[in-house]
Protein backbone atom coordinates (compact mmCIF):
# COMPACT_ATOMS: atom_id res chain seq x y z
CA MET A 1 -0.04 -0.36 -0.19
CA LYS A 2 3.11 2.35 0.52
CA PRO A 3 3.80 2.71 -3.50
CA ARG A 4 -0.03 3.79 -3.98
CA ALA A 5 -0.32 6.22 -1.09
CA ALA A 6 3.26 7.82 -1.90
CA LEU A 7 1.64 7.94 -6.06
CA VAL A 8 -1.69 9.61 -4.76
CA ALA A 9 0.46 11.88 -2.54
CA PHE A 10 2.58 12.99 -5.71
CA LEU A 11 -0.44 13.17 -8.00
CA LEU A 12 -2.10 15.38 -5.36
CA ALA A 13 0.90 17.89 -4.95
CA VAL A 14 1.58 18.18 -9.13
CA GLN A 15 -2.30 19.02 -8.91
CA GLY A 16 -1.80 21.54 -6.64
CA LEU A 17 1.17 23.09 -8.31
CA ALA A 18 -1.26 23.10 -11.47
CA GLN A 19 -3.95 24.88 -9.91
CA ALA A 20 -1.72 27.32 -8.17
CA PRO A 21 -2.63 30.96 -9.22
CA VAL A 22 -0.88 33.02 -11.60
CA ARG A 23 0.41 36.16 -9.87
CA THR A 24 -1.64 39.50 -12.48
CA GLN A 25 0.29 42.80 -12.23
CA THR A 26 -0.49 45.37 -13.70
CA PHE A 27 2.18 48.81 -15.00
CA SER A 28 1.94 51.44 -17.49
CA LEU A 29 5.01 53.14 -19.11
CA PRO A 30 5.12 56.68 -19.53
CA ASN A 31 4.17 56.98 -23.39
CA GLY A 32 0.65 55.34 -22.27
CA LEU A 33 1.87 51.34 -23.14
CA ARG A 34 -0.60 49.58 -20.44
CA VAL A 35 1.31 45.83 -19.51
CA ILE A 36 -0.33 42.96 -18.09
CA LEU A 37 1.68 40.81 -16.44
CA LEU A 38 0.89 37.19 -15.14
CA GLU A 39 3.80 35.65 -13.55
CA ASP A 40 4.34 32.18 -14.17
CA HIS A 41 7.49 30.17 -13.22
CA GLU A 42 6.31 26.83 -13.79
CA ARG A 43 8.05 26.48 -17.29
CA PRO A 44 10.86 28.06 -18.97
CA LEU A 45 9.21 29.95 -21.27
CA VAL A 46 7.76 33.71 -22.10
CA ARG A 47 4.52 34.57 -23.70
CA ALA A 48 3.22 37.87 -25.16
CA ARG A 49 0.65 39.72 -27.23
CA LEU A 50 0.73 42.88 -28.25
CA HIS A 51 -2.85 44.19 -29.35
CA VAL A 52 -4.03 47.17 -30.90
CA PRO A 53 -7.50 47.87 -31.63
CA LEU A 54 -9.06 49.17 -34.79
CA GLU A 55 -11.19 52.05 -35.32
CA ARG A 56 -13.93 51.39 -37.99
CA GLU A 57 -13.38 55.27 -39.30
CA THR A 58 -9.55 54.74 -40.15
CA ALA A 59 -10.50 52.40 -42.46
CA ALA A 60 -12.60 53.42 -45.38
CA HIS A 61 -12.55 50.52 -47.38
CA PRO A 62 -12.15 46.83 -47.21
CA GLY A 63 -8.62 45.74 -47.69
CA LEU A 64 -6.69 48.67 -45.63
CA ALA A 65 -6.06 46.69 -42.54
CA PRO A 66 -4.88 43.11 -43.83
CA LEU A 67 -2.55 44.85 -46.30
CA ALA A 68 -1.33 47.15 -43.80
CA LEU A 69 -0.56 43.73 -41.58
CA ARG A 70 0.87 42.00 -44.84
CA VAL A 71 3.29 45.10 -45.10
CA LEU A 72 4.81 45.19 -42.04
CA GLY A 73 5.20 41.78 -42.01
CA HIS A 74 7.11 41.75 -45.05
CA SER A 75 9.26 44.93 -44.13
CA ASP A 76 12.44 45.54 -42.66
CA ALA A 77 12.51 45.93 -38.91
CA GLY A 78 15.11 48.27 -36.76
CA ALA A 79 18.14 47.81 -37.94
CA PHE A 80 17.87 44.29 -39.45
CA ARG A 81 17.06 43.88 -43.66
CA ILE A 82 13.95 41.22 -43.78
CA GLY A 83 15.92 38.32 -44.11
CA ASP A 84 18.18 38.59 -41.29
CA PHE A 85 14.93 39.57 -38.59
CA GLU A 86 13.37 36.34 -39.98
CA GLN A 87 16.83 34.58 -39.37
CA LEU A 88 17.03 35.90 -35.92
CA LEU A 89 13.85 34.01 -35.31
CA ALA A 90 14.65 31.09 -36.16
CA GLY A 91 17.70 30.49 -35.17
CA ALA A 92 16.39 31.66 -31.54
CA GLY A 93 13.50 29.22 -32.09
CA ILE A 94 11.34 32.51 -31.22
CA GLU A 95 7.52 32.72 -32.79
CA LEU A 96 5.99 36.06 -33.47
CA THR A 97 2.32 35.53 -35.17
CA PRO A 98 0.58 38.33 -36.19
CA ALA A 99 -3.03 38.60 -36.98
CA LEU A 100 -6.12 40.46 -37.83
CA ARG A 101 -8.84 39.82 -35.60
CA SER A 102 -12.57 41.50 -35.39
CA ASP A 103 -11.13 43.23 -32.28
CA GLY A 104 -7.91 44.76 -33.77
CA LEU A 105 -4.11 44.16 -34.86
CA SER A 106 -2.19 41.49 -32.53
CA TRP A 107 1.06 39.56 -32.21
CA SER A 108 1.99 36.89 -30.41
CA LEU A 109 5.16 35.99 -29.16
CA LEU A 110 6.63 32.79 -27.80
CA ALA A 111 9.99 32.36 -26.57
CA ARG A 112 12.35 30.28 -23.98
CA SER A 113 12.99 32.58 -20.95
CA ARG A 114 16.72 32.95 -21.70
CA ASP A 115 16.07 34.93 -24.99
CA GLN A 116 13.33 37.34 -23.52
CA ASP A 117 15.25 40.16 -24.45
CA LEU A 118 16.11 39.08 -27.77
CA ALA A 119 12.45 38.74 -28.49
CA LEU A 120 10.83 41.51 -27.07
CA GLY A 121 12.89 43.46 -28.91
CA LEU A 122 12.70 42.09 -31.87
CA LEU A 123 8.76 42.17 -31.66
CA ALA A 124 9.12 45.96 -30.38
CA ASP A 125 10.77 46.30 -33.96
CA ARG A 126 8.16 44.55 -35.88
CA ALA A 127 5.21 46.90 -34.52
CA PHE A 128 6.63 50.23 -34.38
CA ARG A 129 10.16 50.12 -35.94
CA SER A 130 9.37 48.67 -39.14
CA ILE A 131 10.82 50.25 -42.47
CA LEU A 132 7.61 51.11 -44.72
CA ASP A 133 8.92 50.73 -48.27
CA PRO A 134 6.45 51.99 -51.60
CA THR A 135 8.00 48.44 -53.10
CA THR A 136 7.00 46.25 -50.06
CA LEU A 137 3.64 48.18 -50.61
CA GLU A 138 3.03 47.13 -54.23
CA ALA A 139 4.64 43.47 -53.63
CA GLU A 140 2.21 42.83 -51.10
CA ARG A 141 -0.79 45.02 -52.85
CA LEU A 142 -0.46 42.02 -55.18
CA ALA A 143 0.29 39.08 -52.90
CA CYS A 144 -3.21 40.17 -50.93
CA TRP A 145 -4.90 39.62 -54.15
CA ARG A 146 -3.89 36.65 -55.23
CA GLU A 147 -4.65 34.94 -52.13
CA THR A 148 -8.05 36.73 -52.45
CA GLU A 149 -8.29 35.31 -56.36
CA ARG A 150 -7.34 32.07 -54.06
CA LEU A 151 -9.76 31.79 -51.75
CA GLU A 152 -12.43 32.97 -54.70
CA ALA A 153 -11.92 30.05 -56.55
CA THR A 154 -13.40 27.61 -53.88
CA PRO A 155 -17.43 28.95 -54.09
CA GLY A 156 -18.09 28.12 -50.40
CA ALA A 157 -15.02 30.22 -49.39
CA LYS A 158 -16.15 33.13 -51.67
CA LEU A 159 -19.97 33.17 -50.15
CA ARG A 160 -18.43 33.59 -46.94
CA LEU A 161 -16.48 36.15 -48.13
CA LEU A 162 -19.25 37.85 -49.89
CA LEU A 163 -21.43 37.52 -46.57
CA GLU A 164 -18.67 38.56 -43.82
CA PRO A 165 -20.51 41.73 -42.17
CA ASP A 166 -17.16 43.13 -40.29
CA TRP A 167 -15.12 45.85 -42.18
CA THR A 168 -11.66 44.84 -41.11
CA LEU A 169 -12.24 40.57 -42.30
CA GLN A 170 -14.39 41.76 -45.61
CA ALA A 171 -12.82 40.63 -48.67
CA PRO A 172 -10.95 42.94 -50.50
CA THR A 173 -12.08 44.54 -54.37
CA LEU A 174 -9.52 44.91 -57.04
CA ASP A 175 -10.49 48.23 -57.05
CA SER A 176 -10.21 48.97 -53.28
CA LEU A 177 -6.85 47.25 -53.39
CA THR A 178 -5.29 49.56 -56.15
CA ALA A 179 -6.94 52.78 -54.77
CA VAL A 180 -4.74 52.43 -51.13
CA THR A 181 -1.62 54.34 -51.40
CA TYR A 182 1.15 54.70 -49.11
CA GLU A 183 0.15 57.63 -47.92
CA ASP A 184 -2.95 56.44 -46.82
CA LEU A 185 -0.89 53.31 -45.00
CA LEU A 186 1.60 55.73 -43.32
CA THR A 187 -2.14 57.39 -42.22
CA PHE A 188 -3.00 54.48 -41.06
CA PHE A 189 -0.19 53.60 -39.36
CA ALA A 190 0.24 56.50 -37.22
CA ARG A 191 -3.33 56.61 -36.53
CA MET A 192 -3.40 53.31 -35.33
CA MET A 193 0.52 52.29 -34.68
CA ARG A 194 0.40 54.20 -30.97
CA PRO A 195 1.95 53.35 -27.37
CA ASP A 196 -1.41 54.97 -25.22
CA ARG A 197 -3.68 52.28 -27.42
CA ALA A 198 -1.75 49.14 -27.10
CA VAL A 199 -2.29 46.57 -24.66
CA LEU A 200 0.82 44.49 -24.06
CA VAL A 201 0.54 41.15 -22.00
CA LEU A 202 3.17 39.32 -20.43
CA GLN A 203 3.01 35.29 -19.32
CA GLY A 204 5.34 32.93 -18.31
CA ASP A 205 9.21 33.03 -16.52
CA LEU A 206 9.86 36.62 -15.35
CA GLY A 207 9.09 39.11 -12.74
CA GLN A 208 7.89 42.47 -11.71
CA GLU A 209 11.04 44.65 -11.84
CA GLN A 210 12.43 41.77 -14.83
CA ALA A 211 9.04 42.67 -16.81
CA LYS A 212 9.20 46.61 -16.15
CA ARG A 213 12.97 46.80 -17.51
CA LEU A 214 12.55 44.57 -20.43
CA VAL A 215 9.20 46.40 -21.54
CA LEU A 216 11.06 49.80 -20.92
CA LEU A 217 14.12 49.02 -22.81
CA SER A 218 12.09 47.75 -25.95
CA PHE A 219 8.96 49.93 -26.07
CA GLY A 220 10.20 53.36 -23.69
CA THR A 221 10.97 54.73 -27.25
CA TRP A 222 7.56 53.86 -28.79
CA THR A 223 6.36 57.25 -29.59
CA VAL A 224 3.04 58.50 -31.58
CA ARG A 225 4.21 58.80 -35.25
CA PRO A 226 3.58 62.11 -36.66
CA HIS A 227 0.67 61.98 -39.75
CA PRO A 228 1.97 62.60 -42.85
CA THR A 229 1.21 66.08 -44.38
CA VAL A 230 -0.26 65.39 -47.82
CA PRO A 231 -2.10 67.48 -50.03
CA THR A 232 -6.15 66.67 -49.44
CA PRO A 233 -7.95 66.01 -52.67
CA PRO A 234 -11.35 67.77 -53.66
CA SER A 235 -14.46 66.08 -52.32
CA PRO A 236 -16.30 64.05 -55.17
CA PRO A 237 -20.23 65.01 -55.30
CA ALA A 238 -22.01 62.80 -52.51
CA SER A 239 -23.87 59.98 -54.28
CA PRO A 240 -26.85 58.05 -52.44
CA ALA A 241 -25.25 54.98 -49.97
CA ALA A 242 -25.14 52.01 -51.44
CA PRO A 243 -28.27 49.16 -49.74
CA PRO A 244 -26.15 47.14 -47.24
CA VAL A 245 -25.68 43.72 -48.41
CA ARG A 246 -28.50 40.71 -47.03
CA ARG A 247 -28.97 38.13 -49.90
CA VAL A 248 -26.01 37.02 -52.09
CA GLU A 249 -26.28 34.38 -54.81
CA LEU A 250 -23.38 32.04 -56.25
CA PRO A 251 -23.83 30.05 -59.20
CA ALA A 252 -22.38 26.87 -58.36
CA PRO A 253 -22.50 24.27 -61.20
CA GLY A 254 -22.07 20.71 -60.32
CA LEU A 255 -22.58 21.29 -56.83
CA PRO A 256 -25.67 20.63 -54.56
CA PRO A 257 -27.41 23.99 -53.49
CA ARG A 258 -25.98 25.31 -50.08
CA ALA A 259 -28.02 27.96 -47.99
CA MET A 260 -25.56 30.09 -45.55
CA ALA A 261 -26.55 33.03 -43.02
CA VAL A 262 -23.74 34.55 -40.97
CA ALA A 263 -25.28 36.71 -38.00
CA VAL A 264 -22.76 39.29 -36.46
CA GLU A 265 -22.81 39.42 -32.63
CA PRO A 266 -24.32 42.21 -30.90
CA GLU A 267 -22.24 45.03 -29.72
CA ASP A 268 -23.95 45.19 -26.31
CA LEU A 269 -24.18 41.39 -25.45
CA GLU A 270 -23.22 40.25 -21.89
CA PRO A 271 -19.92 38.34 -22.46
CA GLU A 272 -21.39 35.66 -19.97
CA VAL A 273 -24.65 35.10 -22.34
CA GLU A 274 -22.02 35.22 -25.20
CA ALA A 275 -19.78 32.10 -23.21
CA LEU A 276 -23.04 30.43 -22.82
CA LEU A 277 -24.50 30.79 -26.51
CA ALA A 278 -21.05 29.53 -27.53
CA LEU A 279 -21.54 26.18 -25.91
CA LEU A 280 -25.30 25.68 -25.95
CA LEU A 281 -25.68 26.61 -30.20
CA PRO A 282 -23.34 24.39 -31.76
CA GLY A 283 -24.99 21.29 -32.31
CA ASP A 284 -28.80 22.35 -31.09
CA PRO A 285 -31.19 19.24 -32.43
CA VAL A 286 -33.67 22.09 -34.00
CA LEU A 287 -31.02 23.26 -36.24
CA PHE A 288 -30.52 19.60 -37.60
CA PRO A 289 -28.98 18.65 -40.76
CA ALA A 290 -28.11 22.85 -40.51
CA GLN A 291 -24.62 23.69 -38.44
CA LEU A 292 -24.00 26.29 -37.15
CA ARG A 293 -20.32 27.02 -35.64
CA LEU A 294 -18.59 30.37 -34.25
CA GLU A 295 -16.41 32.47 -36.07
CA GLY A 296 -15.10 35.16 -34.08
CA LEU A 297 -17.62 37.06 -33.40
CA ASP A 298 -20.05 35.78 -36.10
CA LEU A 299 -22.46 32.73 -36.62
CA VAL A 300 -22.70 30.85 -39.39
CA ALA A 301 -24.80 28.41 -40.37
CA THR A 302 -24.73 25.94 -43.43
CA LEU A 303 -27.24 23.71 -44.82
CA GLU A 304 -26.61 21.47 -47.94
CA ALA A 305 -29.69 20.69 -49.99
CA GLU A 306 -29.92 17.40 -51.01
CA ALA A 307 -29.02 16.65 -55.18
CA GLN A 308 -32.36 17.38 -56.32
CA GLY A 309 -32.90 20.25 -53.95
CA SER A 310 -33.25 23.96 -54.69
CA ALA A 311 -31.77 26.76 -53.80
CA PRO A 312 -34.56 29.17 -52.44
CA ALA A 313 -35.83 26.17 -50.67
CA ILE A 314 -32.52 25.26 -49.10
CA GLU A 315 -32.35 29.01 -48.15
CA ALA A 316 -35.82 28.89 -46.78
CA SER A 317 -35.08 25.79 -44.92
CA LEU A 318 -31.84 27.14 -42.97
CA LEU A 319 -33.91 30.68 -42.39
CA GLU A 320 -36.80 28.74 -40.87
CA ARG A 321 -34.76 26.80 -38.47
CA LEU A 322 -33.07 29.23 -37.13
CA GLN A 323 -36.28 31.23 -36.52
CA ALA A 324 -37.40 28.16 -34.65
CA LEU A 325 -34.56 28.01 -32.49
CA ARG A 326 -34.70 31.92 -31.91
CA GLN A 327 -38.68 31.51 -30.36
CA ARG A 328 -37.98 28.36 -28.97
CA GLY A 329 -35.20 29.60 -26.45
CA PHE A 330 -33.29 27.85 -24.41
CA THR A 331 -34.50 26.10 -20.72
CA GLU A 332 -33.32 26.53 -17.01
CA ALA A 333 -32.30 22.96 -17.62
CA ASP A 334 -29.92 24.54 -20.89
CA LEU A 335 -28.97 26.90 -18.66
CA ARG A 336 -27.86 24.55 -16.04
CA ARG A 337 -26.07 22.92 -18.28
CA ALA A 338 -24.26 25.12 -20.06
CA ARG A 339 -22.98 26.81 -16.94
CA THR A 340 -21.68 23.31 -15.67
CA ALA A 341 -19.81 22.98 -18.70
CA TRP A 342 -18.32 26.85 -18.68
CA SER A 343 -16.72 26.14 -15.09
CA ALA A 344 -15.52 23.05 -16.24
CA GLY A 345 -14.18 24.37 -19.21
CA ARG A 346 -12.73 27.54 -17.00
CA THR A 347 -11.03 25.16 -14.59
CA LEU A 348 -9.08 23.39 -17.93
CA SER A 349 -8.43 26.88 -19.86
CA GLY A 350 -6.97 28.39 -16.26
CA LEU A 351 -4.15 25.58 -17.02
CA HIS A 352 -3.32 26.95 -20.21
CA PRO A 353 -1.15 30.01 -20.73
CA GLY A 354 -2.90 30.85 -23.88
CA ALA A 355 -6.04 31.19 -22.40
CA LEU A 356 -5.09 33.41 -19.50
CA VAL A 357 -3.54 35.68 -22.29
CA ASP A 358 -6.43 35.77 -24.15
CA GLU A 359 -8.56 36.40 -20.87
CA ALA A 360 -6.25 38.89 -19.82
CA LEU A 361 -6.61 40.90 -22.67
CA ALA A 362 -10.97 40.55 -22.85
CA GLU A 363 -10.68 42.08 -18.88
CA THR A 364 -8.80 45.49 -20.77
CA ARG A 365 -11.78 45.84 -22.71
CA GLY A 366 -14.39 45.10 -20.57
CA ARG A 367 -15.57 41.76 -21.79
CA ALA A 368 -14.28 39.06 -19.23
CA VAL A 369 -16.52 36.71 -18.52
CA VAL A 370 -17.37 37.57 -14.39
CA PRO A 371 -18.09 34.55 -12.46
CA ALA A 372 -20.26 36.35 -9.87
CA ARG A 373 -22.54 37.24 -13.12
CA MET A 374 -22.56 34.23 -14.93
CA ALA A 375 -24.20 32.60 -10.97
CA ALA A 376 -26.79 35.72 -11.26
CA LEU A 377 -27.85 34.92 -15.09
CA THR A 378 -31.20 33.86 -15.84
CA VAL A 379 -32.88 32.06 -18.63
CA GLU A 380 -34.82 35.09 -19.68
CA THR A 381 -31.13 37.11 -20.05
CA LEU A 382 -29.87 34.02 -22.34
CA ASN A 383 -32.99 33.76 -24.29
CA ALA A 384 -33.15 37.71 -24.87
CA GLY A 385 -29.43 37.65 -26.21
CA LEU A 386 -30.89 35.03 -28.43
CA ARG A 387 -33.34 37.07 -29.88
CA ARG A 388 -30.76 39.97 -30.16
CA TRP A 389 -28.65 37.30 -32.04
CA LEU A 390 -30.85 35.53 -34.53
CA ASP A 391 -33.08 38.64 -35.17
CA PRO A 392 -33.82 38.31 -38.92
CA ALA A 393 -32.52 42.30 -39.50
CA ARG A 394 -28.93 41.10 -38.45
CA LEU A 395 -28.75 37.99 -40.79
CA ARG A 396 -27.12 38.18 -43.99
CA THR A 397 -27.83 34.94 -46.11
CA GLY A 398 -26.40 33.55 -49.65
CA VAL A 399 -27.13 30.56 -51.66
CA LEU A 400 -25.08 28.52 -53.99
CA GLY A 401 -26.40 27.32 -56.99
CA GLY A 402 -28.20 30.07 -57.39
CA SER A 403 -28.34 31.44 -61.55
CA ALA A 404 -27.57 34.80 -60.59
CA LYS A 405 -23.70 37.02 -60.20
CA PRO A 406 -23.01 38.34 -57.21
């Protein structure tokens, strides 16, 4: 029995270490950069996430934000040529990954703790010391359009792009990409890449004093870029606004008809409601055989017809299922089941460093799920959120198999 008792004691000790709370500390630099430190010395690793929110008015047309991120990723950074910069990352085993999401631009960093000085310096080089070259803009403009063409080669992917409601993620057109000038790019970076708008989350094997020193060394010189002075062209005469896209038809010869509906999350939706609906909506039997998934802030529902089905009929069937779910709502039993699943998932996510970083960023935006609010959530509030999310006025629908052109 002694070996078994020793094993049990060992497992309990390991569990206690795994569930030890991560120390959360915050501080700011004089330039306004907010820093969140999640101190955790269990592994010799350091993670970082630099997040910069976007504003709708800074990108007047689709394509500017993804094009800007591509230009940054292929530009010289700091004192390094682009090839040398990438060699430094690869040689030290540092992972630096950019991302564009509906909530902003971000760079995720993973490095060994012994390389944290180099890693944070390279992150700063990429984020605000990149050297923007007009020739890089032209090369990435072409690459961005080719990537869009590849996505459009798949009818399902093209339909999804056309139905995307968020301006930052909408597929650029050739005209919108061509319209982006070098001055537009400089203005975009001047307005967006500001330390007083950014949040840096650090997680891993470093203490507060060490973190303050590293962040000040790497990001202390980050200042607000002056706006480029370019002549303002005369404003064209006002034209009537085009109606918002609500429905799209795409021909798809040889493919069975498919319907798709996309609904963007309401801006005022409580984070607790969002978390529970994310657990309840996929796989709900009312939707069968339709499939529903969450993509960022969007609900995306799809339904494929049988070989002899028609595109209009399958679209109507999908919308009927969504509205039946909206009218039926969820029960107290559903609420308890989802709340239990969320609690279990929260326990597991607390052991994942990436999930801790995501949660820290959510807190800075006021979108973190609060356990006390989760416990107090009523089924009426849950169903009110469901009705807002699946409001027919929010839905953008499309079908494959129609004869009309997009």
